[in-house]
Amino acid sequence: MKKKYYVYMLLTERNTLYCGYTDDVEKRFRQHQEGKGAKYTRANKPVKIVYKKEFAVKNDAQKEEHRIKSLPRKKKLELIIS
């Protein structure tokens, strides 16, 4: 079976959004909650996964992560509700 990659966004306790990419969203979410994820999520504890999008190619997921991170918060929220 071919590996899949995901771009995801997490909502934090401080009502901020964190975006990343992974091949296992649930596992990565647990890592973030345990303080083993990104530096940002160690200081801003994530409470739930609010967005995820699947990709067949890792590089495509990385490009989308970069694109989303450059968006203003309003546009990120639009992605979540669409």
C-alpha atoms as a PDB file:
ATOM      1  CA  MET A   1       0.000   0.000   0.000  1.00  0.00           C
ATOM      2  CA  LYS A   2       1.298   3.422  -0.965  1.00  0.00           C
ATOM      3  CA  LYS A   3       1.998   5.855   1.857  1.00  0.00           C
ATOM      4  CA  LYS A   4      -0.252   8.904   2.234  1.00  0.00           C
ATOM      5  CA  TYR A   5       0.655  12.298   3.616  1.00  0.00           C
ATOM      6  CA  TYR A   6      -1.516  14.894   5.304  1.00  0.00           C
ATOM      7  CA  VAL A   7      -1.520  18.589   6.014  1.00  0.00           C
ATOM      8  CA  TYR A   8      -3.345  19.317   9.248  1.00  0.00           C
ATOM      9  CA  MET A   9      -4.298  22.216  11.465  1.00  0.00           C
ATOM     10  CA  LEU A  10      -4.698  22.062  15.218  1.00  0.00           C
ATOM     11  CA  LEU A  11      -6.644  24.399  17.473  1.00  0.00           C
ATOM     12  CA  THR A  12      -4.753  25.249  20.662  1.00  0.00           C
ATOM     13  CA  GLU A  13      -5.912  26.133  24.168  1.00  0.00           C
ATOM     14  CA  ARG A  14      -5.120  29.767  23.387  1.00  0.00           C
ATOM     15  CA  ASN A  15      -7.415  29.676  20.330  1.00  0.00           C
ATOM     16  CA  THR A  16      -4.483  29.766  17.914  1.00  0.00           C
ATOM     17  CA  LEU A  17      -3.927  27.512  14.916  1.00  0.00           C
ATOM     18  CA  TYR A  18      -0.921  25.309  14.219  1.00  0.00           C
ATOM     19  CA  CYS A  19      -0.287  23.795  10.778  1.00  0.00           C
ATOM     20  CA  GLY A  20       1.944  20.847   9.963  1.00  0.00           C
ATOM     21  CA  TYR A  21       2.289  17.779   7.751  1.00  0.00           C
ATOM     22  CA  THR A  22       2.655  14.097   8.598  1.00  0.00           C
ATOM     23  CA  ASP A  23       1.909  10.572   7.413  1.00  0.00           C
ATOM     24  CA  ASP A  24      -0.194   9.826  10.545  1.00  0.00           C
ATOM     25  CA  VAL A  25      -2.345  12.689  11.838  1.00  0.00           C
ATOM     26  CA  GLU A  26      -3.641  10.948  14.983  1.00  0.00           C
ATOM     27  CA  LYS A  27      -0.155   9.850  16.066  1.00  0.00           C
ATOM     28  CA  ARG A  28       1.279  13.309  15.415  1.00  0.00           C
ATOM     29  CA  PHE A  29      -1.582  14.936  17.353  1.00  0.00           C
ATOM     30  CA  ARG A  30      -0.777  12.737  20.366  1.00  0.00           C
ATOM     31  CA  GLN A  31       2.898  13.716  20.083  1.00  0.00           C
ATOM     32  CA  HIS A  32       1.934  17.395  20.106  1.00  0.00           C
ATOM     33  CA  GLN A  33      -0.301  16.858  23.164  1.00  0.00           C
ATOM     34  CA  GLU A  34       2.515  15.043  24.987  1.00  0.00           C
ATOM     35  CA  GLY A  35       4.910  17.949  24.341  1.00  0.00           C
ATOM     36  CA  LYS A  36       6.954  15.920  21.857  1.00  0.00           C
ATOM     37  CA  GLY A  37       5.838  17.835  18.779  1.00  0.00           C
ATOM     38  CA  ALA A  38       6.855  21.241  17.542  1.00  0.00           C
ATOM     39  CA  LYS A  39       8.219  23.955  19.799  1.00  0.00           C
ATOM     40  CA  TYR A  40       5.060  25.991  19.158  1.00  0.00           C
ATOM     41  CA  THR A  41       2.742  23.255  20.439  1.00  0.00           C
ATOM     42  CA  ARG A  42       4.845  22.730  23.548  1.00  0.00           C
ATOM     43  CA  ALA A  43       3.954  26.309  24.524  1.00  0.00           C
ATOM     44  CA  ASN A  44       0.442  26.247  23.016  1.00  0.00           C
ATOM     45  CA  LYS A  45      -1.210  22.926  23.854  1.00  0.00           C
ATOM     46  CA  PRO A  46      -3.398  21.599  21.037  1.00  0.00           C
ATOM     47  CA  VAL A  47      -6.963  20.612  21.897  1.00  0.00           C
ATOM     48  CA  LYS A  48      -8.298  19.261  18.600  1.00  0.00           C
ATOM     49  CA  ILE A  49      -7.624  18.584  14.944  1.00  0.00           C
ATOM     50  CA  VAL A  50      -9.679  21.066  12.945  1.00  0.00           C
ATOM     51  CA  TYR A  51      -8.454  20.380   9.390  1.00  0.00           C
ATOM     52  CA  LYS A  52      -6.712  17.710   7.387  1.00  0.00           C
ATOM     53  CA  LYS A  53      -6.105  17.158   3.693  1.00  0.00           C
ATOM     54  CA  GLU A  54      -4.611  14.061   2.091  1.00  0.00           C
ATOM     55  CA  PHE A  55      -1.786  13.941  -0.463  1.00  0.00           C
ATOM     56  CA  ALA A  56      -0.173  11.061  -2.348  1.00  0.00           C
ATOM     57  CA  VAL A  57       3.205  12.829  -2.599  1.00  0.00           C
ATOM     58  CA  LYS A  58       5.165  14.109   0.422  1.00  0.00           C
ATOM     59  CA  ASN A  59       6.455  17.155  -1.447  1.00  0.00           C
ATOM     60  CA  ASP A  60       2.896  18.201  -2.330  1.00  0.00           C
ATOM     61  CA  ALA A  61       1.932  18.047   1.351  1.00  0.00           C
ATOM     62  CA  GLN A  62       4.984  20.108   2.292  1.00  0.00           C
ATOM     63  CA  LYS A  63       4.139  22.740  -0.332  1.00  0.00           C
ATOM     64  CA  GLU A  64       0.546  22.959   0.918  1.00  0.00           C
ATOM     65  CA  GLU A  65       1.751  23.258   4.523  1.00  0.00           C
ATOM     66  CA  HIS A  66       3.983  26.158   3.501  1.00  0.00           C
ATOM     67  CA  ARG A  67       1.121  27.799   1.591  1.00  0.00           C
ATOM     68  CA  ILE A  68      -1.278  27.496   4.531  1.00  0.00           C
ATOM     69  CA  LYS A  69       1.283  28.818   7.017  1.00  0.00           C
ATOM     70  CA  SER A  70       1.616  31.968   4.896  1.00  0.00           C
ATOM     71  CA  LEU A  71      -2.145  32.629   4.959  1.00  0.00           C
ATOM     72  CA  PRO A  72      -3.719  35.131   7.349  1.00  0.00           C
ATOM     73  CA  ARG A  73      -5.846  33.609  10.127  1.00  0.00           C
ATOM     74  CA  LYS A  74      -9.104  34.549   8.361  1.00  0.00           C
ATOM     75  CA  LYS A  75      -8.129  32.480   5.297  1.00  0.00           C
ATOM     76  CA  LYS A  76      -7.114  29.537   7.504  1.00  0.00           C
ATOM     77  CA  LEU A  77     -10.522  29.656   9.182  1.00  0.00           C
ATOM     78  CA  GLU A  78     -12.177  29.698   5.748  1.00  0.00           C
ATOM     79  CA  LEU A  79     -10.256  26.514   4.862  1.00  0.00           C
ATOM     80  CA  ILE A  80     -11.473  24.851   8.044  1.00  0.00           C
ATOM     81  CA  ILE A  81     -15.139  25.603   7.462  1.00  0.00           C
ATOM     82  CA  SER A  82     -15.138  24.749   3.741  1.00  0.00           C
END
